Amino acid sequence: MGQDGTPVRPMYPDGKNVFIPAGADPRVVFSEWLINEENPWFARNLVNRVWSWIFGRGIIHPADDIRPDNPPANPVLLSLLEKNFIQSNWDIRELYRFIMNSAAYQLTSVYDPSEVAASPSAGFARYTIRRLEAEVIIDIINSICGSSEQYMSMIPEPFTFIPPNQRSITLADGSITSAFLELFGRPPRGSGYENERNNESTAAQRLHLLNSSHIRDKFERGWKVRGYLRERDRKKPQVSGSDAFEELFLLTVGRFPSGKEQRTIAQAMDSEHYTPAAAAGDVLWALVNSAEFLYRH
């Protein structure tokens, strides 16, 4: 609507003019055009973006660079995903379910280079090893330790604090950040391109996980808080000894400790003045700094 209340004639992104009558919601008109089957770009863009989130690389790469002269690595696969997405009535959950139940998603990250003619990443011949996103890393650490992060938003006004129990992956405002998120590659609020994010591992990241007081305090205080809460919870027994170490392995790397790892922990526990709490903190520290924890594989 114009300032005088008369209908306006805007233009769609494809260059076509559209008439919006008085009283109509332009957002509804635009959304109907966006998901129209005659517009292939919405479904193609979304399925390619979801694929890139899951595999670390889009079928059209980079995921933000969809244009006629940047062809997909696998046109048949992209077309299949588009059709399935449209037939599911634009159901994002069904799209995730369809991709994650595929053989491509369930491939191992281990492969024989002699059996792969092209780049294994571009051809999706194996699952690509890549580092966890900054938000995911800090959310997992907070979940394990029972700790939280404190974020502040400058919008709509200064000193608007985010609730401490809100996870980092749910931060919708790109201007909300922290030293940890910046260090581990979360992009600032800018164009919103996927390629702005940097998931490459750096020496500064390693030093932060190994030596920073930020992470050390979470391991020391967080583990004690979790133990204290477990003692008060009558429905769950207190975790101690080998059970505590098994829980740490399950929480961080999703498996039980191997025989060799159990023996190493047992030998360290035999040392004088080495308490179970100190051992638990050291085990947690070692696990969080392992490639098995930091990388999808």
Protein backbone atom coordinates (compact mmCIF):
# COMPACT_ATOMS: atom_id res chain seq x y z
CA MET A 1 0.00 0.00 0.00
CA GLY A 2 1.17 3.50 -0.78
CA GLN A 3 1.08 6.33 1.69
CA ASP A 4 -2.28 7.43 0.29
CA GLY A 5 -3.80 3.95 0.75
CA THR A 6 -3.78 3.07 -2.95
CA PRO A 7 -2.59 -0.36 -4.14
CA VAL A 8 1.00 -0.63 -5.34
CA ARG A 9 2.54 -2.64 -8.15
CA PRO A 10 5.79 -4.18 -6.86
CA MET A 11 8.05 -6.51 -8.81
CA TYR A 12 8.98 -10.12 -8.04
CA PRO A 13 12.71 -11.02 -7.88
CA ASP A 14 12.36 -12.62 -11.34
CA GLY A 15 11.37 -9.26 -12.86
CA LYS A 16 7.61 -9.87 -13.18
CA ASN A 17 5.21 -7.21 -11.97
CA VAL A 18 2.55 -8.16 -9.44
CA PHE A 19 -0.66 -6.39 -8.49
CA ILE A 20 -1.45 -6.31 -4.77
CA PRO A 21 -5.01 -5.09 -4.13
CA ALA A 22 -5.87 -2.79 -1.27
CA GLY A 23 -6.12 -4.65 2.04
CA ALA A 24 -4.09 -7.66 0.90
CA ASP A 25 -1.02 -8.76 2.83
CA PRO A 26 2.01 -8.50 0.49
CA ARG A 27 3.79 -11.20 2.49
CA VAL A 28 1.10 -13.72 1.60
CA VAL A 29 1.29 -12.76 -2.06
CA PHE A 30 5.06 -13.13 -2.06
CA SER A 31 5.01 -16.49 -0.21
CA GLU A 32 2.49 -17.90 -2.71
CA TRP A 33 4.81 -16.94 -5.55
CA LEU A 34 7.84 -18.26 -3.69
CA ILE A 35 6.54 -21.81 -3.25
CA ASN A 36 4.78 -22.02 -6.59
CA GLU A 37 5.87 -25.09 -8.56
CA GLU A 38 6.63 -22.84 -11.52
CA ASN A 39 9.38 -21.23 -9.44
CA PRO A 40 12.18 -23.84 -9.22
CA TRP A 41 14.64 -21.66 -7.34
CA PHE A 42 13.12 -21.85 -3.87
CA ALA A 43 13.08 -25.66 -3.63
CA ARG A 44 16.49 -25.92 -5.28
CA ASN A 45 18.06 -23.38 -2.95
CA LEU A 46 16.59 -24.87 0.21
CA VAL A 47 17.37 -28.53 -0.47
CA ASN A 48 20.91 -27.60 -1.54
CA ARG A 49 21.38 -25.55 1.63
CA VAL A 50 20.12 -28.36 3.88
CA TRP A 51 22.40 -30.81 2.06
CA SER A 52 25.37 -28.49 2.66
CA TRP A 53 24.49 -28.23 6.39
CA ILE A 54 24.49 -32.03 6.67
CA PHE A 55 27.44 -32.88 4.42
CA GLY A 56 29.55 -29.75 4.74
CA ARG A 57 29.31 -29.15 0.99
CA GLY A 58 26.36 -28.36 -1.25
CA ILE A 59 25.42 -30.24 -4.40
CA ILE A 60 25.80 -26.78 -5.90
CA HIS A 61 28.94 -25.39 -4.30
CA PRO A 62 29.22 -22.87 -2.75
CA ALA A 63 25.70 -23.17 -1.38
CA ASP A 64 25.08 -19.43 -1.79
CA ASP A 65 26.18 -19.38 -5.44
CA ILE A 66 23.19 -20.83 -7.29
CA ARG A 67 23.20 -19.58 -10.88
CA PRO A 68 22.88 -21.13 -14.36
CA ASP A 69 26.65 -21.18 -14.99
CA ASN A 70 27.45 -22.95 -11.68
CA PRO A 71 26.09 -26.45 -12.35
CA PRO A 72 25.38 -29.02 -9.61
CA ALA A 73 27.82 -31.86 -9.01
CA ASN A 74 24.94 -34.31 -9.32
CA PRO A 75 21.92 -32.90 -11.22
CA VAL A 76 19.87 -36.09 -10.81
CA LEU A 77 20.31 -36.04 -7.03
CA LEU A 78 19.38 -32.37 -6.80
CA SER A 79 16.27 -32.94 -8.91
CA LEU A 80 15.23 -35.89 -6.73
CA LEU A 81 15.53 -33.82 -3.57
CA GLU A 82 13.55 -30.98 -5.13
CA LYS A 83 10.69 -33.27 -6.17
CA ASN A 84 10.59 -35.00 -2.79
CA PHE A 85 10.55 -31.64 -0.99
CA ILE A 86 7.66 -30.33 -3.11
CA GLN A 87 5.67 -33.58 -2.82
CA SER A 88 6.04 -33.47 0.98
CA ASN A 89 4.34 -30.05 0.94
CA TRP A 90 7.59 -28.26 1.79
CA ASP A 91 8.16 -30.33 4.94
CA ILE A 92 11.67 -29.58 6.27
CA ARG A 93 11.55 -32.49 8.72
CA GLU A 94 10.73 -34.88 5.90
CA LEU A 95 13.64 -33.45 3.89
CA TYR A 96 16.06 -34.13 6.76
CA ARG A 97 14.57 -37.60 7.23
CA PHE A 98 14.90 -38.38 3.53
CA ILE A 99 18.57 -37.32 3.40
CA MET A 100 19.64 -38.96 6.66
CA ASN A 101 18.06 -42.28 5.72
CA SER A 102 20.05 -42.32 2.49
CA ALA A 103 23.09 -44.49 1.83
CA ALA A 104 25.11 -41.35 1.09
CA TYR A 105 24.66 -40.03 4.63
CA GLN A 106 25.52 -43.40 6.17
CA LEU A 107 28.83 -43.77 4.33
CA THR A 108 31.99 -44.06 6.38
CA SER A 109 34.56 -41.28 6.49
CA VAL A 110 37.27 -43.87 5.74
CA TYR A 111 37.90 -44.60 2.07
CA ASP A 112 40.48 -45.93 -0.37
CA PRO A 113 41.74 -43.07 -2.59
CA SER A 114 42.52 -45.53 -5.41
CA GLU A 115 38.82 -46.41 -5.64
CA VAL A 116 37.65 -42.81 -5.99
CA ALA A 117 38.32 -41.22 -9.37
CA ALA A 118 37.13 -37.69 -8.54
CA SER A 119 37.28 -35.70 -5.35
CA PRO A 120 35.49 -37.72 -2.64
CA SER A 121 34.05 -34.55 -1.15
CA ALA A 122 32.64 -33.21 -4.42
CA GLY A 123 31.24 -36.61 -5.41
CA PHE A 124 29.99 -37.49 -1.89
CA ALA A 125 31.84 -40.82 -2.09
CA ARG A 126 32.37 -40.76 1.67
CA TYR A 127 31.25 -38.82 4.71
CA THR A 128 33.38 -35.69 4.93
CA ILE A 129 35.25 -35.12 8.20
CA ARG A 130 34.74 -31.56 9.40
CA ARG A 131 34.93 -29.61 12.64
CA LEU A 132 31.85 -28.93 14.72
CA GLU A 133 30.38 -25.43 14.49
CA ALA A 134 31.28 -22.93 17.23
CA GLU A 135 27.75 -22.93 18.69
CA VAL A 136 27.61 -26.73 18.79
CA ILE A 137 30.96 -27.04 20.60
CA ILE A 138 30.09 -24.61 23.39
CA ASP A 139 26.56 -26.02 23.76
CA ILE A 140 27.92 -29.56 24.22
CA ILE A 141 30.50 -28.38 26.76
CA ASN A 142 27.83 -26.50 28.71
CA SER A 143 25.52 -29.51 28.60
CA ILE A 144 28.23 -31.79 29.97
CA CYS A 145 29.38 -29.38 32.66
CA GLY A 146 25.99 -28.01 33.66
CA SER A 147 27.23 -24.48 32.88
CA SER A 148 25.96 -21.71 30.61
CA GLU A 149 27.06 -18.74 28.52
CA GLN A 150 26.07 -15.12 28.98
CA TYR A 151 25.15 -13.28 25.79
CA MET A 152 24.10 -9.66 25.39
CA SER A 153 22.19 -8.16 22.50
CA MET A 154 22.61 -4.55 21.37
CA ILE A 155 19.21 -4.78 19.68
CA PRO A 156 16.71 -3.32 20.46
CA GLU A 157 18.75 -1.53 23.10
CA PRO A 158 22.03 -2.04 24.99
CA PHE A 159 22.26 -4.43 27.90
CA THR A 160 19.52 -6.75 26.71
CA PHE A 161 20.73 -10.03 28.17
CA ILE A 162 19.84 -13.42 26.71
CA PRO A 163 18.50 -15.99 29.21
CA PRO A 164 21.41 -18.16 30.45
CA ASN A 165 19.58 -21.39 29.62
CA GLN A 166 19.22 -20.48 25.93
CA ARG A 167 21.44 -22.57 23.68
CA SER A 168 23.96 -20.89 21.41
CA ILE A 169 22.57 -22.60 18.30
CA THR A 170 19.26 -20.77 18.86
CA LEU A 171 20.80 -17.29 18.71
CA ALA A 172 18.89 -15.79 15.82
CA ASP A 173 20.56 -12.39 15.95
CA GLY A 174 23.94 -12.50 14.24
CA SER A 175 25.12 -9.45 16.18
CA ILE A 176 25.04 -11.49 19.41
CA THR A 177 28.46 -13.00 19.78
CA SER A 178 31.26 -13.78 22.21
CA ALA A 179 35.00 -14.24 22.17
CA PHE A 180 34.52 -18.03 21.94
CA LEU A 181 32.07 -17.88 19.02
CA GLU A 182 34.28 -15.45 17.13
CA LEU A 183 37.39 -17.55 17.75
CA PHE A 184 35.71 -20.70 16.47
CA GLY A 185 34.45 -19.13 13.26
CA ARG A 186 30.88 -17.95 13.82
CA PRO A 187 30.40 -15.15 11.29
CA PRO A 188 29.33 -11.68 12.39
CA ARG A 189 26.08 -10.15 11.25
CA GLY A 190 26.73 -9.27 7.62
CA SER A 191 25.45 -10.62 4.35
CA GLY A 192 24.39 -13.95 5.82
CA TYR A 193 26.33 -16.01 3.29
CA GLU A 194 27.16 -19.57 4.27
CA ASN A 195 30.75 -19.14 3.12
CA GLU A 196 31.32 -16.45 5.77
CA ARG A 197 31.54 -19.16 8.42
CA ASN A 198 35.02 -20.57 9.03
CA ASN A 199 35.16 -24.08 10.46
CA GLU A 200 38.88 -24.53 9.97
CA SER A 201 40.82 -25.55 13.08
CA THR A 202 43.48 -23.09 14.28
CA ALA A 203 46.25 -23.02 16.87
CA ALA A 204 44.39 -20.32 18.81
CA GLN A 205 41.37 -22.59 19.14
CA ARG A 206 43.53 -25.41 20.45
CA LEU A 207 45.16 -23.14 23.01
CA HIS A 208 41.76 -21.86 24.16
CA LEU A 209 40.46 -25.37 24.81
CA LEU A 210 43.70 -26.39 26.52
CA ASN A 211 44.64 -23.34 28.56
CA SER A 212 41.83 -20.81 28.87
CA SER A 213 40.23 -20.03 32.22
CA HIS A 214 36.89 -19.93 30.38
CA ILE A 215 36.99 -23.66 29.67
CA ARG A 216 38.91 -24.60 32.83
CA ASP A 217 36.24 -23.06 35.06
CA LYS A 218 33.53 -24.99 33.26
CA PHE A 219 35.38 -28.29 33.77
CA GLU A 220 36.19 -27.67 37.42
CA ARG A 221 33.03 -25.98 38.65
CA GLY A 222 30.63 -27.51 36.18
CA TRP A 223 31.53 -31.09 37.00
CA LYS A 224 31.19 -30.38 40.73
CA VAL A 225 27.79 -28.81 40.15
CA ARG A 226 26.61 -31.86 38.22
CA GLY A 227 27.87 -34.16 40.97
CA TYR A 228 26.14 -32.12 43.64
CA LEU A 229 22.86 -32.19 41.73
CA ARG A 230 23.13 -35.94 41.28
CA GLU A 231 23.56 -36.41 45.04
CA ARG A 232 20.35 -34.47 45.63
CA ASP A 233 18.40 -36.32 42.95
CA ARG A 234 16.88 -39.35 44.68
CA LYS A 235 15.78 -40.89 41.42
CA LYS A 236 19.35 -41.24 40.18
CA PRO A 237 22.29 -42.73 42.09
CA GLN A 238 25.46 -40.72 42.52
CA VAL A 239 27.93 -41.34 39.76
CA SER A 240 31.38 -42.26 40.97
CA GLY A 241 34.42 -44.33 40.03
CA SER A 242 34.40 -46.09 36.68
CA ASP A 243 30.74 -45.22 36.09
CA ALA A 244 31.63 -41.52 36.07
CA PHE A 245 34.32 -42.06 33.43
CA GLU A 246 31.98 -44.15 31.30
CA GLU A 247 29.40 -41.37 31.48
CA LEU A 248 32.00 -38.81 30.41
CA PHE A 249 32.89 -40.89 27.36
CA LEU A 250 29.23 -41.32 26.45
CA LEU A 251 28.53 -37.61 26.84
CA THR A 252 31.49 -36.46 24.76
CA VAL A 253 32.30 -39.08 22.12
CA GLY A 254 29.22 -41.31 22.31
CA ARG A 255 30.98 -44.56 23.22
CA PHE A 256 32.36 -46.50 26.18
CA PRO A 257 36.09 -46.23 26.97
CA SER A 258 38.30 -48.87 25.42
CA GLY A 259 40.29 -51.33 27.50
CA LYS A 260 43.46 -49.32 26.98
CA GLU A 261 41.73 -46.11 28.05
CA GLN A 262 40.33 -47.79 31.15
CA ARG A 263 43.78 -49.05 32.12
CA THR A 264 45.31 -45.58 31.62
CA ILE A 265 42.68 -44.01 33.88
CA ALA A 266 43.13 -46.77 36.49
CA GLN A 267 46.90 -46.25 36.56
CA ALA A 268 46.42 -42.51 37.05
CA MET A 269 43.96 -43.16 39.87
CA ASP A 270 46.58 -45.23 41.69
CA SER A 271 48.69 -42.10 42.04
CA GLU A 272 48.72 -40.60 45.51
CA HIS A 273 46.68 -37.43 46.09
CA TYR A 274 44.79 -37.92 42.80
CA THR A 275 41.10 -37.68 43.69
CA PRO A 276 38.24 -39.03 41.52
CA ALA A 277 37.04 -35.45 40.98
CA ALA A 278 40.45 -34.39 39.67
CA ALA A 279 40.65 -37.48 37.48
CA ALA A 280 37.16 -36.80 36.08
CA GLY A 281 38.17 -33.24 35.23
CA ASP A 282 41.33 -34.40 33.46
CA VAL A 283 39.49 -37.09 31.50
CA LEU A 284 36.87 -34.57 30.42
CA TRP A 285 39.59 -32.12 29.41
CA ALA A 286 41.35 -34.77 27.32
CA LEU A 287 38.13 -35.87 25.62
CA VAL A 288 37.01 -32.36 24.69
CA ASN A 289 40.43 -31.70 23.15
CA SER A 290 40.36 -34.89 21.09
CA ALA A 291 39.69 -34.93 17.35
CA GLU A 292 36.99 -37.53 18.00
CA PHE A 293 35.00 -34.90 19.92
CA LEU A 294 35.73 -31.85 17.79
CA TYR A 295 35.03 -33.38 14.39
CA ARG A 296 32.06 -34.97 12.65
CA HIS A 297 33.22 -38.28 11.28
